[in-house]
Amino acid sequence: RTKDLTWQIAFLIGLFQLVAAVFPGTSRSGATIIGALMIGVSR
């Protein structure tokens, strides 16, 4: 559930978003979704 996201998980997802901000072709949604899936967030 979205309400179960912790502050730490939110910040970690933001770090993955950083990759997309630097490298075009990464996909902002792709980077954040991959990051979220890797740390145990549902699709």
PDB file of all heavy atoms in Angstrom:
ATOM      1  N   ARG A   1       0.848  -1.190   0.000  1.00  0.00           N
ATOM      2  CA  ARG A   1       0.000   0.000   0.000  1.00  0.00           C
ATOM      3  C   ARG A   1       0.878   1.232   0.000  1.00  0.00           C
ATOM      4  O   ARG A   1       1.930   1.251   0.639  1.00  0.00           O
ATOM      5  CB  ARG A   1      -0.915   0.020   1.224  1.00  0.00           C
ATOM      6  CG  ARG A   1      -1.878  -1.144   1.332  1.00  0.00           C
ATOM      7  CD  ARG A   1      -2.775  -0.995   2.561  1.00  0.00           C
ATOM      8  NE  ARG A   1      -1.973  -0.895   3.792  1.00  0.00           N
ATOM      9  CZ  ARG A   1      -2.479  -0.623   4.989  1.00  0.00           C
ATOM     10  NH1 ARG A   1      -3.786  -0.397   5.113  1.00  0.00           N
ATOM     11  NH2 ARG A   1      -1.689  -0.557   6.051  1.00  0.00           N
ATOM     12  N   THR A   2       0.429   2.271  -0.697  1.00  0.00           N
ATOM     13  CA  THR A   2       1.217   3.490  -0.774  1.00  0.00           C
ATOM     14  C   THR A   2       1.469   4.087   0.605  1.00  0.00           C
ATOM     15  O   THR A   2       2.555   4.606   0.882  1.00  0.00           O
ATOM     16  CB  THR A   2       0.502   4.532  -1.664  1.00  0.00           C
ATOM     17  OG1 THR A   2       0.237   3.949  -2.945  1.00  0.00           O
ATOM     18  CG2 THR A   2       1.366   5.769  -1.863  1.00  0.00           C
ATOM     19  N   LYS A   3       0.497   3.990   1.497  1.00  0.00           N
ATOM     20  CA  LYS A   3       0.636   4.561   2.835  1.00  0.00           C
ATOM     21  C   LYS A   3       1.688   3.837   3.665  1.00  0.00           C
ATOM     22  O   LYS A   3       2.145   4.360   4.684  1.00  0.00           O
ATOM     23  CB  LYS A   3      -0.705   4.542   3.564  1.00  0.00           C
ATOM     24  CG  LYS A   3      -1.250   3.163   3.865  1.00  0.00           C
ATOM     25  CD  LYS A   3      -2.618   3.228   4.550  1.00  0.00           C
ATOM     26  CE  LYS A   3      -2.551   3.938   5.861  1.00  0.00           C
ATOM     27  NZ  LYS A   3      -3.856   3.960   6.572  1.00  0.00           N
ATOM     28  N   ASP A   4       2.101   2.627   3.238  1.00  0.00           N
ATOM     29  CA  ASP A   4       3.100   1.866   3.974  1.00  0.00           C
ATOM     30  C   ASP A   4       4.529   2.182   3.539  1.00  0.00           C
ATOM     31  O   ASP A   4       5.484   1.630   4.097  1.00  0.00           O
ATOM     32  CB  ASP A   4       2.838   0.361   3.816  1.00  0.00           C
ATOM     33  CG  ASP A   4       1.543  -0.066   4.493  1.00  0.00           C
ATOM     34  OD1 ASP A   4       1.147   0.592   5.467  1.00  0.00           O
ATOM     35  OD2 ASP A   4       0.918  -1.046   4.034  1.00  0.00           O
ATOM     36  N   LEU A   5       4.689   3.038   2.537  1.00  0.00           N
ATOM     37  CA  LEU A   5       6.032   3.467   2.148  1.00  0.00           C
ATOM     38  C   LEU A   5       6.662   4.254   3.294  1.00  0.00           C
ATOM     39  O   LEU A   5       6.079   5.214   3.794  1.00  0.00           O
ATOM     40  CB  LEU A   5       5.973   4.340   0.896  1.00  0.00           C
ATOM     41  CG  LEU A   5       5.666   3.653  -0.436  1.00  0.00           C
ATOM     42  CD1 LEU A   5       5.348   4.701  -1.499  1.00  0.00           C
ATOM     43  CD2 LEU A   5       6.844   2.790  -0.883  1.00  0.00           C
ATOM     44  N   THR A   6       7.865   3.866   3.698  1.00  0.00           N
ATOM     45  CA  THR A   6       8.558   4.613   4.746  1.00  0.00           C
ATOM     46  C   THR A   6       9.330   5.770   4.133  1.00  0.00           C
ATOM     47  O   THR A   6       9.525   5.841   2.916  1.00  0.00           O
ATOM     48  CB  THR A   6       9.538   3.697   5.501  1.00  0.00           C
ATOM     49  OG1 THR A   6      10.573   3.275   4.590  1.00  0.00           O
ATOM     50  CG2 THR A   6       8.831   2.470   6.049  1.00  0.00           C
ATOM     51  N   TRP A   7       9.796   6.681   4.983  1.00  0.00           N
ATOM     52  CA  TRP A   7      10.605   7.803   4.508  1.00  0.00           C
ATOM     53  C   TRP A   7      11.906   7.301   3.874  1.00  0.00           C
ATOM     54  O   TRP A   7      12.358   7.847   2.866  1.00  0.00           O
ATOM     55  CB  TRP A   7      10.914   8.755   5.662  1.00  0.00           C
ATOM     56  CG  TRP A   7       9.707   9.462   6.186  1.00  0.00           C
ATOM     57  CD1 TRP A   7       8.834   9.011   7.137  1.00  0.00           C
ATOM     58  CD2 TRP A   7       9.224  10.750   5.779  1.00  0.00           C
ATOM     59  NE1 TRP A   7       7.830   9.938   7.351  1.00  0.00           N
ATOM     60  CE2 TRP A   7       8.060  11.017   6.532  1.00  0.00           C
ATOM     61  CE3 TRP A   7       9.668  11.695   4.858  1.00  0.00           C
ATOM     62  CZ2 TRP A   7       7.331  12.194   6.394  1.00  0.00           C
ATOM     63  CZ3 TRP A   7       8.949  12.873   4.718  1.00  0.00           C
ATOM     64  CH2 TRP A   7       7.787  13.116   5.469  1.00  0.00           C
ATOM     65  N   GLN A   8      12.487   6.254   4.459  1.00  0.00           N
ATOM     66  CA  GLN A   8      13.736   5.710   3.923  1.00  0.00           C
ATOM     67  C   GLN A   8      13.528   5.119   2.536  1.00  0.00           C
ATOM     68  O   GLN A   8      14.340   5.337   1.624  1.00  0.00           O
ATOM     69  CB  GLN A   8      14.296   4.640   4.873  1.00  0.00           C
ATOM     70  CG  GLN A   8      14.771   5.166   6.208  1.00  0.00           C
ATOM     71  CD  GLN A   8      13.649   5.245   7.248  1.00  0.00           C
ATOM     72  OE1 GLN A   8      12.460   5.151   6.907  1.00  0.00           O
ATOM     73  NE2 GLN A   8      14.026   5.416   8.497  1.00  0.00           N
ATOM     74  N   ILE A   9      12.429   4.363   2.367  1.00  0.00           N
ATOM     75  CA  ILE A   9      12.145   3.770   1.058  1.00  0.00           C
ATOM     76  C   ILE A   9      11.885   4.855   0.021  1.00  0.00           C
ATOM     77  O   ILE A   9      12.357   4.778  -1.116  1.00  0.00           O
ATOM     78  CB  ILE A   9      10.943   2.805   1.158  1.00  0.00           C
ATOM     79  CG1 ILE A   9      11.341   1.545   1.931  1.00  0.00           C
ATOM     80  CG2 ILE A   9      10.423   2.432  -0.234  1.00  0.00           C
ATOM     81  CD1 ILE A   9      10.196   0.571   2.155  1.00  0.00           C
ATOM     82  N   ALA A  10      11.150   5.885   0.408  1.00  0.00           N
ATOM     83  CA  ALA A  10      10.868   6.985  -0.512  1.00  0.00           C
ATOM     84  C   ALA A  10      12.159   7.645  -0.987  1.00  0.00           C
ATOM     85  O   ALA A  10      12.328   7.938  -2.181  1.00  0.00           O
ATOM     86  CB  ALA A  10       9.965   8.012   0.161  1.00  0.00           C
ATOM     87  N   PHE A  11      13.095   7.870  -0.054  1.00  0.00           N
ATOM     88  CA  PHE A  11      14.362   8.509  -0.431  1.00  0.00           C
ATOM     89  C   PHE A  11      15.191   7.602  -1.336  1.00  0.00           C
ATOM     90  O   PHE A  11      15.814   8.067  -2.299  1.00  0.00           O
ATOM     91  CB  PHE A  11      15.165   8.876   0.820  1.00  0.00           C
ATOM     92  CG  PHE A  11      16.425   9.639   0.511  1.00  0.00           C
ATOM     93  CD1 PHE A  11      16.369  10.968   0.112  1.00  0.00           C
ATOM     94  CD2 PHE A  11      17.671   9.022   0.608  1.00  0.00           C
ATOM     95  CE1 PHE A  11      17.533  11.671  -0.185  1.00  0.00           C
ATOM     96  CE2 PHE A  11      18.830   9.715   0.318  1.00  0.00           C
ATOM     97  CZ  PHE A  11      18.765  11.048  -0.075  1.00  0.00           C
ATOM     98  N   LEU A  12      15.184   6.295  -1.045  1.00  0.00           N
ATOM     99  CA  LEU A  12      15.912   5.353  -1.892  1.00  0.00           C
ATOM    100  C   LEU A  12      15.355   5.351  -3.316  1.00  0.00           C
ATOM    101  O   LEU A  12      16.112   5.317  -4.294  1.00  0.00           O
ATOM    102  CB  LEU A  12      15.845   3.947  -1.299  1.00  0.00           C
ATOM    103  CG  LEU A  12      16.734   3.681  -0.077  1.00  0.00           C
ATOM    104  CD1 LEU A  12      16.437   2.304   0.496  1.00  0.00           C
ATOM    105  CD2 LEU A  12      18.208   3.795  -0.438  1.00  0.00           C
ATOM    106  N   ILE A  13      14.037   5.386  -3.441  1.00  0.00           N
ATOM    107  CA  ILE A  13      13.422   5.448  -4.774  1.00  0.00           C
ATOM    108  C   ILE A  13      13.851   6.731  -5.476  1.00  0.00           C
ATOM    109  O   ILE A  13      14.114   6.754  -6.683  1.00  0.00           O
ATOM    110  CB  ILE A  13      11.889   5.363  -4.668  1.00  0.00           C
ATOM    111  CG1 ILE A  13      11.473   3.975  -4.154  1.00  0.00           C
ATOM    112  CG2 ILE A  13      11.235   5.626  -6.030  1.00  0.00           C
ATOM    113  CD1 ILE A  13       9.987   3.843  -3.870  1.00  0.00           C
ATOM    114  N   GLY A  14      13.956   7.829  -4.710  1.00  0.00           N
ATOM    115  CA  GLY A  14      14.426   9.089  -5.276  1.00  0.00           C
ATOM    116  C   GLY A  14      15.841   9.000  -5.806  1.00  0.00           C
ATOM    117  O   GLY A  14      16.178   9.639  -6.810  1.00  0.00           O
ATOM    118  N   LEU A  15      16.688   8.205  -5.163  1.00  0.00           N
ATOM    119  CA  LEU A  15      18.060   8.026  -5.654  1.00  0.00           C
ATOM    120  C   LEU A  15      18.065   7.301  -6.998  1.00  0.00           C
ATOM    121  O   LEU A  15      18.890   7.600  -7.871  1.00  0.00           O
ATOM    122  CB  LEU A  15      18.893   7.248  -4.633  1.00  0.00           C
ATOM    123  CG  LEU A  15      19.191   7.976  -3.315  1.00  0.00           C
ATOM    124  CD1 LEU A  15      19.990   7.073  -2.384  1.00  0.00           C
ATOM    125  CD2 LEU A  15      19.951   9.283  -3.570  1.00  0.00           C
ATOM    126  N   PHE A  16      17.158   6.354  -7.161  1.00  0.00           N
ATOM    127  CA  PHE A  16      17.049   5.685  -8.462  1.00  0.00           C
ATOM    128  C   PHE A  16      16.559   6.671  -9.527  1.00  0.00           C
ATOM    129  O   PHE A  16      16.991   6.623 -10.681  1.00  0.00           O
ATOM    130  CB  PHE A  16      16.094   4.494  -8.371  1.00  0.00           C
ATOM    131  CG  PHE A  16      16.714   3.280  -7.752  1.00  0.00           C
ATOM    132  CD1 PHE A  16      16.566   3.009  -6.399  1.00  0.00           C
ATOM    133  CD2 PHE A  16      17.451   2.400  -8.527  1.00  0.00           C
ATOM    134  CE1 PHE A  16      17.138   1.883  -5.823  1.00  0.00           C
ATOM    135  CE2 PHE A  16      18.029   1.263  -7.964  1.00  0.00           C
ATOM    136  CZ  PHE A  16      17.877   1.011  -6.601  1.00  0.00           C
ATOM    137  N   GLN A  17      15.655   7.562  -9.149  1.00  0.00           N
ATOM    138  CA  GLN A  17      15.174   8.579 -10.082  1.00  0.00           C
ATOM    139  C   GLN A  17      16.306   9.474 -10.549  1.00  0.00           C
ATOM    140  O   GLN A  17      16.305   9.988 -11.667  1.00  0.00           O
ATOM    141  CB  GLN A  17      14.083   9.419  -9.413  1.00  0.00           C
ATOM    142  CG  GLN A  17      13.473  10.469 -10.333  1.00  0.00           C
ATOM    143  CD  GLN A  17      12.322  11.221  -9.699  1.00  0.00           C
ATOM    144  OE1 GLN A  17      11.214  11.210 -10.205  1.00  0.00           O
ATOM    145  NE2 GLN A  17      12.569  11.873  -8.580  1.00  0.00           N
ATOM    146  N   LEU A  18      17.311   9.638  -9.693  1.00  0.00           N
ATOM    147  CA  LEU A  18      18.470  10.458 -10.039  1.00  0.00           C
ATOM    148  C   LEU A  18      19.187   9.928 -11.279  1.00  0.00           C
ATOM    149  O   LEU A  18      19.687  10.704 -12.097  1.00  0.00           O
ATOM    150  CB  LEU A  18      19.429  10.504  -8.844  1.00  0.00           C
ATOM    151  CG  LEU A  18      20.745  11.252  -9.029  1.00  0.00           C
ATOM    152  CD1 LEU A  18      20.485  12.713  -9.366  1.00  0.00           C
ATOM    153  CD2 LEU A  18      21.594  11.145  -7.755  1.00  0.00           C
ATOM    154  N   VAL A  19      19.234   8.617 -11.419  1.00  0.00           N
ATOM    155  CA  VAL A  19      19.884   8.011 -12.586  1.00  0.00           C
ATOM    156  C   VAL A  19      19.204   8.477 -13.868  1.00  0.00           C
ATOM    157  O   VAL A  19      19.856   8.820 -14.861  1.00  0.00           O
ATOM    158  CB  VAL A  19      19.860   6.479 -12.492  1.00  0.00           C
ATOM    159  CG1 VAL A  19      20.501   5.845 -13.722  1.00  0.00           C
ATOM    160  CG2 VAL A  19      20.565   6.010 -11.223  1.00  0.00           C
ATOM    161  N   ALA A  20      17.874   8.518 -13.834  1.00  0.00           N
ATOM    162  CA  ALA A  20      17.123   8.965 -15.013  1.00  0.00           C
ATOM    163  C   ALA A  20      17.344  10.445 -15.287  1.00  0.00           C
ATOM    164  O   ALA A  20      17.312  10.888 -16.442  1.00  0.00           O
ATOM    165  CB  ALA A  20      15.638   8.683 -14.819  1.00  0.00           C
ATOM    166  N   ALA A  21      17.554  11.238 -14.228  1.00  0.00           N
ATOM    167  CA  ALA A  21      17.799  12.666 -14.412  1.00  0.00           C
ATOM    168  C   ALA A  21      19.133  12.917 -15.108  1.00  0.00           C
ATOM    169  O   ALA A  21      19.305  13.932 -15.796  1.00  0.00           O
ATOM    170  CB  ALA A  21      17.775  13.376 -13.057  1.00  0.00           C
ATOM    171  N   VAL A  22      20.063  11.994 -14.959  1.00  0.00           N
ATOM    172  CA  VAL A  22      21.397  12.164 -15.535  1.00  0.00           C
ATOM    173  C   VAL A  22      21.487  11.572 -16.937  1.00  0.00           C
ATOM    174  O   VAL A  22      22.020  12.205 -17.852  1.00  0.00           O
ATOM    175  CB  VAL A  22      22.469  11.522 -14.623  1.00  0.00           C
ATOM    176  CG1 VAL A  22      23.851  11.570 -15.287  1.00  0.00           C
ATOM    177  CG2 VAL A  22      22.497  12.227 -13.271  1.00  0.00           C
ATOM    178  N   PHE A  23      20.935  10.378 -17.107  1.00  0.00           N
ATOM    179  CA  PHE A  23      21.116   9.656 -18.368  1.00  0.00           C
ATOM    180  C   PHE A  23      19.811   9.542 -19.148  1.00  0.00           C
ATOM    181  O   PHE A  23      18.923   8.776 -18.764  1.00  0.00           O
ATOM    182  CB  PHE A  23      21.661   8.251 -18.102  1.00  0.00           C
ATOM    183  CG  PHE A  23      23.001   8.235 -17.432  1.00  0.00           C
ATOM    184  CD1 PHE A  23      23.108   7.919 -16.080  1.00  0.00           C
ATOM    185  CD2 PHE A  23      24.153   8.535 -18.139  1.00  0.00           C
ATOM    186  CE1 PHE A  23      24.336   7.896 -15.453  1.00  0.00           C
ATOM    187  CE2 PHE A  23      25.391   8.524 -17.527  1.00  0.00           C
ATOM    188  CZ  PHE A  23      25.491   8.209 -16.173  1.00  0.00           C
ATOM    189  N   PRO A  24      19.668  10.280 -20.250  1.00  0.00           N
ATOM    190  CA  PRO A  24      18.466  10.134 -21.085  1.00  0.00           C
ATOM    191  C   PRO A  24      18.410   8.730 -21.672  1.00  0.00           C
ATOM    192  O   PRO A  24      19.432   8.126 -21.990  1.00  0.00           O
ATOM    193  CB  PRO A  24      18.684  11.184 -22.190  1.00  0.00           C
ATOM    194  CG  PRO A  24      20.160  11.394 -22.231  1.00  0.00           C
ATOM    195  CD  PRO A  24      20.635  11.233 -20.824  1.00  0.00           C
ATOM    196  N   GLY A  25      17.196   8.224 -21.767  1.00  0.00           N
ATOM    197  CA  GLY A  25      17.021   6.850 -22.229  1.00  0.00           C
ATOM    198  C   GLY A  25      16.811   5.898 -21.070  1.00  0.00           C
ATOM    199  O   GLY A  25      16.379   4.759 -21.273  1.00  0.00           O
ATOM    200  N   THR A  26      17.104   6.361 -19.844  1.00  0.00           N
ATOM    201  CA  THR A  26      16.892   5.512 -18.672  1.00  0.00           C
ATOM    202  C   THR A  26      15.408   5.326 -18.423  1.00  0.00           C
ATOM    203  O   THR A  26      14.947   4.221 -18.135  1.00  0.00           O
ATOM    204  CB  THR A  26      17.543   6.138 -17.423  1.00  0.00           C
ATOM    205  OG1 THR A  26      18.942   6.266 -17.637  1.00  0.00           O
ATOM    206  CG2 THR A  26      17.292   5.276 -16.191  1.00  0.00           C
ATOM    207  N   SER A  27      14.630   6.397 -18.499  1.00  0.00           N
ATOM    208  CA  SER A  27      13.213   6.465 -18.162  1.00  0.00           C
ATOM    209  C   SER A  27      13.047   6.741 -16.682  1.00  0.00           C
ATOM    210  O   SER A  27      13.463   5.932 -15.839  1.00  0.00           O
ATOM    211  CB  SER A  27      12.458   5.180 -18.536  1.00  0.00           C
ATOM    212  OG  SER A  27      11.164   5.183 -17.965  1.00  0.00           O
ATOM    213  N   ARG A  28      12.461   7.887 -16.384  1.00  0.00           N
ATOM    214  CA  ARG A  28      12.219   8.246 -14.985  1.00  0.00           C
ATOM    215  C   ARG A  28      11.309   7.210 -14.325  1.00  0.00           C
ATOM    216  O   ARG A  28      11.581   6.725 -13.227  1.00  0.00           O
ATOM    217  CB  ARG A  28      11.582   9.645 -14.906  1.00  0.00           C
ATOM    218  CG  ARG A  28      11.413  10.187 -13.492  1.00  0.00           C
ATOM    219  CD  ARG A  28      10.469  11.369 -13.495  1.00  0.00           C
ATOM    220  NE  ARG A  28       9.205  11.017 -14.126  1.00  0.00           N
ATOM    221  CZ  ARG A  28       8.271  10.293 -13.520  1.00  0.00           C
ATOM    222  NH1 ARG A  28       8.445   9.865 -12.292  1.00  0.00           N
ATOM    223  NH2 ARG A  28       7.151   9.993 -14.140  1.00  0.00           N
ATOM    224  N   SER A  29      10.228   6.850 -15.020  1.00  0.00           N
ATOM    225  CA  SER A  29       9.334   5.842 -14.455  1.00  0.00           C
ATOM    226  C   SER A  29      10.026   4.487 -14.378  1.00  0.00           C
ATOM    227  O   SER A  29       9.860   3.745 -13.409  1.00  0.00           O
ATOM    228  CB  SER A  29       8.053   5.737 -15.284  1.00  0.00           C
ATOM    229  OG  SER A  29       8.333   5.344 -16.609  1.00  0.00           O
ATOM    230  N   GLY A  30      10.834   4.167 -15.389  1.00  0.00           N
ATOM    231  CA  GLY A  30      11.551   2.895 -15.375  1.00  0.00           C
ATOM    232  C   GLY A  30      12.512   2.793 -14.213  1.00  0.00           C
ATOM    233  O   GLY A  30      12.571   1.769 -13.520  1.00  0.00           O
ATOM    234  N   ALA A  31      13.287   3.861 -13.976  1.00  0.00           N
ATOM    235  CA  ALA A  31      14.272   3.850 -12.895  1.00  0.00           C
ATOM    236  C   ALA A  31      13.603   3.735 -11.531  1.00  0.00           C
ATOM    237  O   ALA A  31      14.044   2.964 -10.669  1.00  0.00           O
ATOM    238  CB  ALA A  31      15.127   5.109 -12.963  1.00  0.00           C
ATOM    239  N   THR A  32      12.542   4.497 -11.323  1.00  0.00           N
ATOM    240  CA  THR A  32      11.887   4.465 -10.011  1.00  0.00           C
ATOM    241  C   THR A  32      11.151   3.150  -9.780  1.00  0.00           C
ATOM    242  O   THR A  32      11.140   2.626  -8.660  1.00  0.00           O
ATOM    243  CB  THR A  32      10.909   5.649  -9.865  1.00  0.00           C
ATOM    244  OG1 THR A  32      10.005   5.667 -10.992  1.00  0.00           O
ATOM    245  CG2 THR A  32      11.650   6.972  -9.811  1.00  0.00           C
ATOM    246  N   ILE A  33      10.557   2.600 -10.823  1.00  0.00           N
ATOM    247  CA  ILE A  33       9.871   1.313 -10.680  1.00  0.00           C
ATOM    248  C   ILE A  33      10.875   0.202 -10.375  1.00  0.00           C
ATOM    249  O   ILE A  33      10.655  -0.629  -9.484  1.00  0.00           O
ATOM    250  CB  ILE A  33       9.051   0.987 -11.944  1.00  0.00           C
ATOM    251  CG1 ILE A  33       7.816   1.887 -12.020  1.00  0.00           C
ATOM    252  CG2 ILE A  33       8.633  -0.483 -11.944  1.00  0.00           C
ATOM    253  CD1 ILE A  33       7.043   1.774 -13.308  1.00  0.00           C
ATOM    254  N   ILE A  34      11.994   0.180 -11.102  1.00  0.00           N
ATOM    255  CA  ILE A  34      13.026  -0.822 -10.829  1.00  0.00           C
ATOM    256  C   ILE A  34      13.525  -0.693  -9.392  1.00  0.00           C
ATOM    257  O   ILE A  34      13.655  -1.682  -8.656  1.00  0.00           O
ATOM    258  CB  ILE A  34      14.207  -0.677 -11.811  1.00  0.00           C
ATOM    259  CG1 ILE A  34      13.832  -1.235 -13.181  1.00  0.00           C
ATOM    260  CG2 ILE A  34      15.435  -1.417 -11.278  1.00  0.00           C
ATOM    261  CD1 ILE A  34      14.903  -1.073 -14.220  1.00  0.00           C
ATOM    262  N   GLY A  35      13.824   0.538  -8.986  1.00  0.00           N
ATOM    263  CA  GLY A  35      14.293   0.765  -7.628  1.00  0.00           C
ATOM    264  C   GLY A  35      13.296   0.278  -6.591  1.00  0.00           C
ATOM    265  O   GLY A  35      13.667  -0.377  -5.611  1.00  0.00           O
ATOM    266  N   ALA A  36      12.029   0.587  -6.821  1.00  0.00           N
ATOM    267  CA  ALA A  36      10.991   0.165  -5.880  1.00  0.00           C
ATOM    268  C   ALA A  36      10.864  -1.350  -5.833  1.00  0.00           C
ATOM    269  O   ALA A  36      10.757  -1.951  -4.756  1.00  0.00           O
ATOM    270  CB  ALA A  36       9.657   0.802  -6.270  1.00  0.00           C
ATOM    271  N   LEU A  37      10.891  -1.999  -6.991  1.00  0.00           N
ATOM    272  CA  LEU A  37      10.785  -3.461  -7.022  1.00  0.00           C
ATOM    273  C   LEU A  37      11.963  -4.119  -6.308  1.00  0.00           C
ATOM    274  O   LEU A  37      11.802  -5.129  -5.617  1.00  0.00           O
ATOM    275  CB  LEU A  37      10.727  -3.953  -8.473  1.00  0.00           C
ATOM    276  CG  LEU A  37       9.487  -3.583  -9.293  1.00  0.00           C
ATOM    277  CD1 LEU A  37       9.628  -4.088 -10.721  1.00  0.00           C
ATOM    278  CD2 LEU A  37       8.217  -4.141  -8.657  1.00  0.00           C
ATOM    279  N   MET A  38      13.144  -3.544  -6.453  1.00  0.00           N
ATOM    280  CA  MET A  38      14.341  -4.123  -5.849  1.00  0.00           C
ATOM    281  C   MET A  38      14.298  -4.085  -4.324  1.00  0.00           C
ATOM    282  O   MET A  38      14.926  -4.920  -3.660  1.00  0.00           O
ATOM    283  CB  MET A  38      15.589  -3.398  -6.363  1.00  0.00           C
ATOM    284  CG  MET A  38      15.917  -3.679  -7.814  1.00  0.00           C
ATOM    285  SD  MET A  38      17.336  -2.728  -8.417  1.00  0.00           S
ATOM    286  CE  MET A  38      18.663  -3.442  -7.447  1.00  0.00           C
ATOM    287  N   ILE A  39      13.581  -3.110  -3.758  1.00  0.00           N
ATOM    288  CA  ILE A  39      13.545  -2.995  -2.297  1.00  0.00           C
ATOM    289  C   ILE A  39      12.212  -3.472  -1.715  1.00  0.00           C
ATOM    290  O   ILE A  39      11.865  -3.125  -0.594  1.00  0.00           O
ATOM    291  CB  ILE A  39      13.855  -1.549  -1.852  1.00  0.00           C
ATOM    292  CG1 ILE A  39      12.916  -0.544  -2.517  1.00  0.00           C
ATOM    293  CG2 ILE A  39      15.292  -1.201  -2.137  1.00  0.00           C
ATOM    294  CD1 ILE A  39      13.221   0.906  -2.167  1.00  0.00           C
ATOM    295  N   GLY A  40      11.467  -4.240  -2.508  1.00  0.00           N
ATOM    296  CA  GLY A  40      10.307  -4.936  -1.962  1.00  0.00           C
ATOM    297  C   GLY A  40       8.971  -4.240  -2.083  1.00  0.00           C
ATOM    298  O   GLY A  40       8.020  -4.601  -1.384  1.00  0.00           O
ATOM    299  N   VAL A  41       8.843  -3.287  -2.978  1.00  0.00           N
ATOM    300  CA  VAL A  41       7.576  -2.590  -3.191  1.00  0.00           C
ATOM    301  C   VAL A  41       6.796  -3.309  -4.290  1.00  0.00           C
ATOM    302  O   VAL A  41       7.376  -3.753  -5.286  1.00  0.00           O
ATOM    303  CB  VAL A  41       7.813  -1.115  -3.585  1.00  0.00           C
ATOM    304  CG1 VAL A  41       6.494  -0.393  -3.824  1.00  0.00           C
ATOM    305  CG2 VAL A  41       8.618  -0.405  -2.500  1.00  0.00           C
ATOM    306  N   SER A  42       5.490  -3.425  -4.129  1.00  0.00           N
ATOM    307  CA  SER A  42       4.667  -4.096  -5.138  1.00  0.00           C
ATOM    308  C   SER A  42       4.621  -3.284  -6.427  1.00  0.00           C
ATOM    309  O   SER A  42       4.882  -2.079  -6.426  1.00  0.00           O
ATOM    310  CB  SER A  42       3.244  -4.303  -4.615  1.00  0.00           C
ATOM    311  OG  SER A  42       2.551  -3.066  -4.546  1.00  0.00           O
ATOM    312  N   ARG A  43       4.277  -3.944  -7.531  1.00  0.00           N
ATOM    313  CA  ARG A  43       4.230  -3.258  -8.825  1.00  0.00           C
ATOM    314  C   ARG A  43       3.222  -2.116  -8.817  1.00  0.00           C
ATOM    315  O   ARG A  43       3.473  -1.033  -9.348  1.00  0.00           O
ATOM    316  CB  ARG A  43       3.877  -4.253  -9.933  1.00  0.00           C
ATOM    317  CG  ARG A  43       4.932  -5.306 -10.172  1.00  0.00           C
ATOM    318  CD  ARG A  43       4.617  -6.133 -11.420  1.00  0.00           C
ATOM    319  NE  ARG A  43       5.513  -7.269 -11.514  1.00  0.00           N
ATOM    320  CZ  ARG A  43       5.241  -8.489 -11.088  1.00  0.00           C
ATOM    321  NH1 ARG A  43       4.062  -8.711 -10.529  1.00  0.00           N
ATOM    322  NH2 ARG A  43       6.108  -9.455 -11.201  1.00  0.00           N
TER     323      ARG A  43
END
